[in-house]
């Protein structure tokens, strides 16, 4: 025997159409996590369930997740910790970083025709820094003689400092290469935010400055 469905069973009643589903209160992900933090039994269950065979600590995940939620809206901060000039066969020249970005007098001296590279360490805090770059422009007697832009990369915040070494270069040589130069170095990101700007002077001489 077959049963014919009535029109009302197919289309429902007007009362059923007007009936609305009552949804419970809506919470953000952070609020959902906050609701559980005081429930010790639930937290222990999560630790046991998630940690079984994986040595996964729910509390560590919970704290890390909250940390991400807290920092995701904060701007990244990059602090340059050290700058040094490296040249084969010589001790590194460590450059003091001035607070106002303007070293007093000559910042350093290079020997003409020598190979050298710039090495620096930096720390990233608060958030990911995207497209960190190093730029350097050099003038002599008011004429721009060199300009470089080096992409350093994208870095996440961490307690340990990062280290980066620039490609090796060779200073010019000859009587016209010697003398005093002015320069400007910057550390900027993709948003053109500048974390350090240094305006300085340096010399290229016939020989290294005596230590």
C-alpha atoms as a PDB file:
ATOM      1  CA  UNK A   1       0.000   0.000   0.000  1.00  0.00           C
ATOM      2  CA  UNK A   2       1.196   3.455  -0.741  1.00  0.00           C
ATOM      3  CA  UNK A   3       0.533   6.498   1.288  1.00  0.00           C
ATOM      4  CA  UNK A   4      -0.189   9.760  -0.421  1.00  0.00           C
ATOM      5  CA  UNK A   5       1.345  12.803   1.201  1.00  0.00           C
ATOM      6  CA  UNK A   6      -1.087  15.590   1.819  1.00  0.00           C
ATOM      7  CA  UNK A   7      -0.437  19.070   0.518  1.00  0.00           C
ATOM      8  CA  UNK A   8      -0.005  20.295   4.044  1.00  0.00           C
ATOM      9  CA  UNK A   9       2.710  17.720   4.761  1.00  0.00           C
ATOM     10  CA  UNK A  10       4.605  18.706   1.625  1.00  0.00           C
ATOM     11  CA  UNK A  11       4.536  22.459   2.045  1.00  0.00           C
ATOM     12  CA  UNK A  12       4.150  22.728   5.802  1.00  0.00           C
ATOM     13  CA  UNK A  13       1.792  24.934   7.661  1.00  0.00           C
ATOM     14  CA  UNK A  14       1.869  28.686   7.864  1.00  0.00           C
ATOM     15  CA  UNK A  15       2.744  28.378  11.528  1.00  0.00           C
ATOM     16  CA  UNK A  16       5.768  26.245  10.671  1.00  0.00           C
ATOM     17  CA  UNK A  17       6.933  28.748   8.044  1.00  0.00           C
ATOM     18  CA  UNK A  18       6.740  31.594  10.517  1.00  0.00           C
ATOM     19  CA  UNK A  19       8.562  29.642  13.184  1.00  0.00           C
ATOM     20  CA  UNK A  20      12.122  30.870  13.634  1.00  0.00           C
ATOM     21  CA  UNK A  21      15.024  28.955  15.044  1.00  0.00           C
ATOM     22  CA  UNK A  22      16.315  30.525  18.197  1.00  0.00           C
ATOM     23  CA  UNK A  23      20.107  30.610  18.110  1.00  0.00           C
ATOM     24  CA  UNK A  24      22.153  30.658  21.224  1.00  0.00           C
ATOM     25  CA  UNK A  25      24.455  33.548  22.095  1.00  0.00           C
ATOM     26  CA  UNK A  26      27.340  34.053  19.684  1.00  0.00           C
ATOM     27  CA  UNK A  27      30.906  34.238  20.987  1.00  0.00           C
ATOM     28  CA  UNK A  28      34.190  35.106  19.385  1.00  0.00           C
ATOM     29  CA  UNK A  29      36.903  32.457  19.342  1.00  0.00           C
ATOM     30  CA  UNK A  30      38.745  34.268  22.081  1.00  0.00           C
ATOM     31  CA  UNK A  31      35.593  34.390  24.235  1.00  0.00           C
ATOM     32  CA  UNK A  32      35.064  30.665  23.707  1.00  0.00           C
ATOM     33  CA  UNK A  33      38.549  29.970  25.022  1.00  0.00           C
ATOM     34  CA  UNK A  34      38.097  32.394  27.909  1.00  0.00           C
ATOM     35  CA  UNK A  35      34.955  30.529  28.977  1.00  0.00           C
ATOM     36  CA  UNK A  36      36.956  27.339  29.546  1.00  0.00           C
ATOM     37  CA  UNK A  37      39.967  28.660  31.371  1.00  0.00           C
ATOM     38  CA  UNK A  38      38.399  28.424  34.852  1.00  0.00           C
ATOM     39  CA  UNK A  39      36.951  24.950  34.318  1.00  0.00           C
ATOM     40  CA  UNK A  40      39.716  22.759  35.720  1.00  0.00           C
ATOM     41  CA  UNK A  41      38.007  19.454  34.847  1.00  0.00           C
ATOM     42  CA  UNK A  42      37.460  20.512  31.249  1.00  0.00           C
ATOM     43  CA  UNK A  43      41.026  21.782  30.955  1.00  0.00           C
ATOM     44  CA  UNK A  44      42.368  18.486  32.360  1.00  0.00           C
ATOM     45  CA  UNK A  45      40.239  16.570  29.854  1.00  0.00           C
ATOM     46  CA  UNK A  46      41.614  18.650  27.016  1.00  0.00           C
ATOM     47  CA  UNK A  47      45.170  18.139  28.225  1.00  0.00           C
ATOM     48  CA  UNK A  48      44.633  14.370  28.413  1.00  0.00           C
ATOM     49  CA  UNK A  49      42.773  14.088  25.127  1.00  0.00           C
ATOM     50  CA  UNK A  50      45.071  16.302  23.087  1.00  0.00           C
ATOM     51  CA  UNK A  51      48.267  15.237  24.803  1.00  0.00           C
ATOM     52  CA  UNK A  52      47.825  11.473  24.414  1.00  0.00           C
ATOM     53  CA  UNK A  53      50.727  10.168  22.353  1.00  0.00           C
ATOM     54  CA  UNK A  54      51.554  13.665  21.082  1.00  0.00           C
ATOM     55  CA  UNK A  55      52.905  15.254  24.241  1.00  0.00           C
ATOM     56  CA  UNK A  56      50.765  18.250  23.362  1.00  0.00           C
ATOM     57  CA  UNK A  57      50.082  20.641  26.207  1.00  0.00           C
ATOM     58  CA  UNK A  58      46.702  22.287  25.921  1.00  0.00           C
ATOM     59  CA  UNK A  59      47.675  25.088  28.256  1.00  0.00           C
ATOM     60  CA  UNK A  60      50.657  25.971  26.082  1.00  0.00           C
ATOM     61  CA  UNK A  61      48.424  26.019  23.019  1.00  0.00           C
ATOM     62  CA  UNK A  62      45.833  28.080  24.862  1.00  0.00           C
ATOM     63  CA  UNK A  63      48.410  30.647  26.021  1.00  0.00           C
ATOM     64  CA  UNK A  64      50.007  30.799  22.581  1.00  0.00           C
ATOM     65  CA  UNK A  65      46.622  31.264  20.945  1.00  0.00           C
ATOM     66  CA  UNK A  66      45.722  34.119  23.276  1.00  0.00           C
ATOM     67  CA  UNK A  67      49.141  35.665  22.634  1.00  0.00           C
ATOM     68  CA  UNK A  68      48.453  35.631  18.878  1.00  0.00           C
ATOM     69  CA  UNK A  69      45.023  37.205  19.408  1.00  0.00           C
ATOM     70  CA  UNK A  70      46.542  39.935  21.532  1.00  0.00           C
ATOM     71  CA  UNK A  71      49.397  40.823  19.163  1.00  0.00           C
ATOM     72  CA  UNK A  72      47.653  40.458  15.817  1.00  0.00           C
ATOM     73  CA  UNK A  73      46.495  44.060  15.905  1.00  0.00           C
ATOM     74  CA  UNK A  74      49.777  45.484  17.193  1.00  0.00           C
ATOM     75  CA  UNK A  75      52.386  46.987  14.897  1.00  0.00           C
ATOM     76  CA  UNK A  76      55.693  45.149  14.510  1.00  0.00           C
ATOM     77  CA  UNK A  77      58.756  46.607  16.151  1.00  0.00           C
ATOM     78  CA  UNK A  78      62.292  46.044  14.887  1.00  0.00           C
ATOM     79  CA  UNK A  79      65.276  47.006  16.988  1.00  0.00           C
ATOM     80  CA  UNK A  80      68.762  47.027  15.455  1.00  0.00           C
ATOM     81  CA  UNK A  81      71.043  45.643  18.145  1.00  0.00           C
ATOM     82  CA  UNK A  82      74.492  45.764  16.520  1.00  0.00           C
ATOM     83  CA  UNK A  83      76.311  46.848  13.365  1.00  0.00           C
ATOM     84  CA  UNK A  84      79.738  45.636  12.324  1.00  0.00           C
ATOM     85  CA  UNK A  85      81.995  45.909   9.277  1.00  0.00           C
ATOM     86  CA  UNK A  86      83.786  42.679   8.393  1.00  0.00           C
ATOM     87  CA  UNK A  87      86.861  42.509   6.193  1.00  0.00           C
ATOM     88  CA  UNK A  88      88.996  39.415   5.513  1.00  0.00           C
ATOM     89  CA  UNK A  89      92.137  39.273   7.651  1.00  0.00           C
ATOM     90  CA  UNK A  90      91.021  42.015  10.015  1.00  0.00           C
ATOM     91  CA  UNK A  91      89.127  42.240  13.267  1.00  0.00           C
ATOM     92  CA  UNK A  92      85.519  43.326  12.908  1.00  0.00           C
ATOM     93  CA  UNK A  93      84.796  47.042  13.244  1.00  0.00           C
ATOM     94  CA  UNK A  94      81.838  47.425  15.608  1.00  0.00           C
ATOM     95  CA  UNK A  95      79.850  50.596  15.028  1.00  0.00           C
ATOM     96  CA  UNK A  96      78.076  52.290  17.922  1.00  0.00           C
ATOM     97  CA  UNK A  97      74.423  52.990  17.105  1.00  0.00           C
ATOM     98  CA  UNK A  98      73.574  56.590  18.017  1.00  0.00           C
ATOM     99  CA  UNK A  99      70.197  57.254  19.610  1.00  0.00           C
ATOM    100  CA  UNK A 100      69.580  60.322  17.457  1.00  0.00           C
ATOM    101  CA  UNK A 101      70.774  58.600  14.264  1.00  0.00           C
ATOM    102  CA  UNK A 102      73.722  60.984  13.793  1.00  0.00           C
ATOM    103  CA  UNK A 103      77.145  59.738  14.872  1.00  0.00           C
ATOM    104  CA  UNK A 104      79.584  62.438  15.883  1.00  0.00           C
ATOM    105  CA  UNK A 105      82.487  62.904  13.478  1.00  0.00           C
ATOM    106  CA  UNK A 106      83.688  60.110  11.191  1.00  0.00           C
ATOM    107  CA  UNK A 107      81.785  56.897  11.860  1.00  0.00           C
ATOM    108  CA  UNK A 108      84.425  54.607  10.336  1.00  0.00           C
ATOM    109  CA  UNK A 109      87.296  54.425   7.853  1.00  0.00           C
ATOM    110  CA  UNK A 110      87.768  51.956   4.996  1.00  0.00           C
ATOM    111  CA  UNK A 111      90.903  51.098   3.088  1.00  0.00           C
ATOM    112  CA  UNK A 112      90.737  51.690  -0.667  1.00  0.00           C
ATOM    113  CA  UNK A 113      90.436  48.533  -2.762  1.00  0.00           C
ATOM    114  CA  UNK A 114      89.479  46.412   0.263  1.00  0.00           C
ATOM    115  CA  UNK A 115      86.756  43.792   0.482  1.00  0.00           C
ATOM    116  CA  UNK A 116      84.183  44.299   3.220  1.00  0.00           C
ATOM    117  CA  UNK A 117      80.627  43.441   4.246  1.00  0.00           C
ATOM    118  CA  UNK A 118      78.143  44.826   6.739  1.00  0.00           C
ATOM    119  CA  UNK A 119      76.838  42.457   9.407  1.00  0.00           C
ATOM    120  CA  UNK A 120      74.023  43.324  11.785  1.00  0.00           C
ATOM    121  CA  UNK A 121      71.744  41.737  14.362  1.00  0.00           C
ATOM    122  CA  UNK A 122      68.172  42.784  15.070  1.00  0.00           C
ATOM    123  CA  UNK A 123      65.192  41.775  17.151  1.00  0.00           C
ATOM    124  CA  UNK A 124      61.542  41.608  16.078  1.00  0.00           C
ATOM    125  CA  UNK A 125      58.757  42.205  18.629  1.00  0.00           C
ATOM    126  CA  UNK A 126      54.938  42.452  18.759  1.00  0.00           C
ATOM    127  CA  UNK A 127      54.084  41.165  15.275  1.00  0.00           C
ATOM    128  CA  UNK A 128      55.443  39.882  11.962  1.00  0.00           C
ATOM    129  CA  UNK A 129      57.517  42.397  10.017  1.00  0.00           C
ATOM    130  CA  UNK A 130      57.019  42.011   6.285  1.00  0.00           C
ATOM    131  CA  UNK A 131      59.629  42.876   3.658  1.00  0.00           C
ATOM    132  CA  UNK A 132      62.323  44.302   5.886  1.00  0.00           C
ATOM    133  CA  UNK A 133      64.857  46.130   3.706  1.00  0.00           C
ATOM    134  CA  UNK A 134      68.207  47.884   4.102  1.00  0.00           C
ATOM    135  CA  UNK A 135      68.904  50.923   1.955  1.00  0.00           C
ATOM    136  CA  UNK A 136      72.095  52.952   1.741  1.00  0.00           C
ATOM    137  CA  UNK A 137      72.874  56.061  -0.293  1.00  0.00           C
ATOM    138  CA  UNK A 138      76.345  57.610  -0.534  1.00  0.00           C
ATOM    139  CA  UNK A 139      77.408  61.106  -1.656  1.00  0.00           C
ATOM    140  CA  UNK A 140      80.771  62.728  -2.233  1.00  0.00           C
ATOM    141  CA  UNK A 141      80.993  66.510  -2.451  1.00  0.00           C
ATOM    142  CA  UNK A 142      77.214  66.600  -2.863  1.00  0.00           C
ATOM    143  CA  UNK A 143      77.090  64.141  -5.773  1.00  0.00           C
ATOM    144  CA  UNK A 144      75.421  60.759  -5.324  1.00  0.00           C
ATOM    145  CA  UNK A 145      77.965  58.067  -6.077  1.00  0.00           C
ATOM    146  CA  UNK A 146      76.264  54.892  -4.847  1.00  0.00           C
ATOM    147  CA  UNK A 147      72.837  53.594  -3.842  1.00  0.00           C
ATOM    148  CA  UNK A 148      71.777  50.092  -2.813  1.00  0.00           C
ATOM    149  CA  UNK A 149      68.602  48.392  -1.591  1.00  0.00           C
ATOM    150  CA  UNK A 150      68.899  44.942  -0.018  1.00  0.00           C
ATOM    151  CA  UNK A 151      65.870  42.807   0.797  1.00  0.00           C
ATOM    152  CA  UNK A 152      66.420  41.158   4.172  1.00  0.00           C
ATOM    153  CA  UNK A 153      63.130  39.268   4.444  1.00  0.00           C
ATOM    154  CA  UNK A 154      60.006  38.696   6.528  1.00  0.00           C
ATOM    155  CA  UNK A 155      60.408  37.769  10.185  1.00  0.00           C
ATOM    156  CA  UNK A 156      58.152  36.718  13.042  1.00  0.00           C
ATOM    157  CA  UNK A 157      58.620  38.001  16.594  1.00  0.00           C
ATOM    158  CA  UNK A 158      60.915  35.962  18.816  1.00  0.00           C
ATOM    159  CA  UNK A 159      63.171  36.408  21.834  1.00  0.00           C
ATOM    160  CA  UNK A 160      66.364  35.446  20.006  1.00  0.00           C
ATOM    161  CA  UNK A 161      67.879  38.089  17.707  1.00  0.00           C
ATOM    162  CA  UNK A 162      68.243  37.571  13.971  1.00  0.00           C
ATOM    163  CA  UNK A 163      71.545  38.030  12.139  1.00  0.00           C
ATOM    164  CA  UNK A 164      72.094  39.138   8.556  1.00  0.00           C
ATOM    165  CA  UNK A 165      75.216  39.755   6.504  1.00  0.00           C
ATOM    166  CA  UNK A 166      75.164  41.933   3.409  1.00  0.00           C
ATOM    167  CA  UNK A 167      76.839  40.794   0.178  1.00  0.00           C
ATOM    168  CA  UNK A 168      80.549  41.532   0.060  1.00  0.00           C
ATOM    169  CA  UNK A 169      81.645  44.716  -1.700  1.00  0.00           C
ATOM    170  CA  UNK A 170      84.961  46.302  -2.672  1.00  0.00           C
ATOM    171  CA  UNK A 171      85.806  49.917  -1.938  1.00  0.00           C
ATOM    172  CA  UNK A 172      86.934  52.036  -4.899  1.00  0.00           C
ATOM    173  CA  UNK A 173      90.615  52.837  -5.164  1.00  0.00           C
ATOM    174  CA  UNK A 174      92.750  55.617  -6.577  1.00  0.00           C
ATOM    175  CA  UNK A 175      93.405  59.232  -5.725  1.00  0.00           C
ATOM    176  CA  UNK A 176      89.906  60.327  -6.723  1.00  0.00           C
ATOM    177  CA  UNK A 177      88.288  57.637  -4.577  1.00  0.00           C
ATOM    178  CA  UNK A 178      90.008  58.756  -1.389  1.00  0.00           C
ATOM    179  CA  UNK A 179      88.367  61.311   0.834  1.00  0.00           C
ATOM    180  CA  UNK A 180      85.309  61.890   2.966  1.00  0.00           C
ATOM    181  CA  UNK A 181      81.839  60.645   2.068  1.00  0.00           C
ATOM    182  CA  UNK A 182      78.403  61.290   3.538  1.00  0.00           C
ATOM    183  CA  UNK A 183      75.766  58.584   3.636  1.00  0.00           C
ATOM    184  CA  UNK A 184      72.296  57.663   4.835  1.00  0.00           C
ATOM    185  CA  UNK A 185      71.289  54.136   5.887  1.00  0.00           C
ATOM    186  CA  UNK A 186      67.726  53.023   6.591  1.00  0.00           C
ATOM    187  CA  UNK A 187      65.904  49.914   7.781  1.00  0.00           C
ATOM    188  CA  UNK A 188      62.330  49.970   6.435  1.00  0.00           C
ATOM    189  CA  UNK A 189      59.521  47.494   5.762  1.00  0.00           C
ATOM    190  CA  UNK A 190      56.864  47.000   3.061  1.00  0.00           C
ATOM    191  CA  UNK A 191      54.695  49.679   4.652  1.00  0.00           C
ATOM    192  CA  UNK A 192      57.627  52.103   4.409  1.00  0.00           C
ATOM    193  CA  UNK A 193      57.877  52.211   8.194  1.00  0.00           C
ATOM    194  CA  UNK A 194      61.413  53.214   9.165  1.00  0.00           C
ATOM    195  CA  UNK A 195      62.916  51.450  12.181  1.00  0.00           C
ATOM    196  CA  UNK A 196      66.335  53.100  12.058  1.00  0.00           C
ATOM    197  CA  UNK A 197      67.855  55.922  10.018  1.00  0.00           C
ATOM    198  CA  UNK A 198      71.516  56.862  10.345  1.00  0.00           C
ATOM    199  CA  UNK A 199      73.092  59.877   8.672  1.00  0.00           C
ATOM    200  CA  UNK A 200      76.879  59.670   8.878  1.00  0.00           C
ATOM    201  CA  UNK A 201      80.248  60.383   7.302  1.00  0.00           C
ATOM    202  CA  UNK A 202      83.124  58.008   6.605  1.00  0.00           C
ATOM    203  CA  UNK A 203      86.534  58.054   4.977  1.00  0.00           C
ATOM    204  CA  UNK A 204      88.230  55.998   2.300  1.00  0.00           C
ATOM    205  CA  UNK A 205      91.973  56.158   2.809  1.00  0.00           C
ATOM    206  CA  UNK A 206      95.132  54.622   1.479  1.00  0.00           C
ATOM    207  CA  UNK A 207      95.302  52.331   4.491  1.00  0.00           C
ATOM    208  CA  UNK A 208      93.195  51.200   7.426  1.00  0.00           C
ATOM    209  CA  UNK A 209      92.905  53.481  10.393  1.00  0.00           C
ATOM    210  CA  UNK A 210      95.265  52.287  13.155  1.00  0.00           C
ATOM    211  CA  UNK A 211      93.469  50.386  15.896  1.00  0.00           C
END
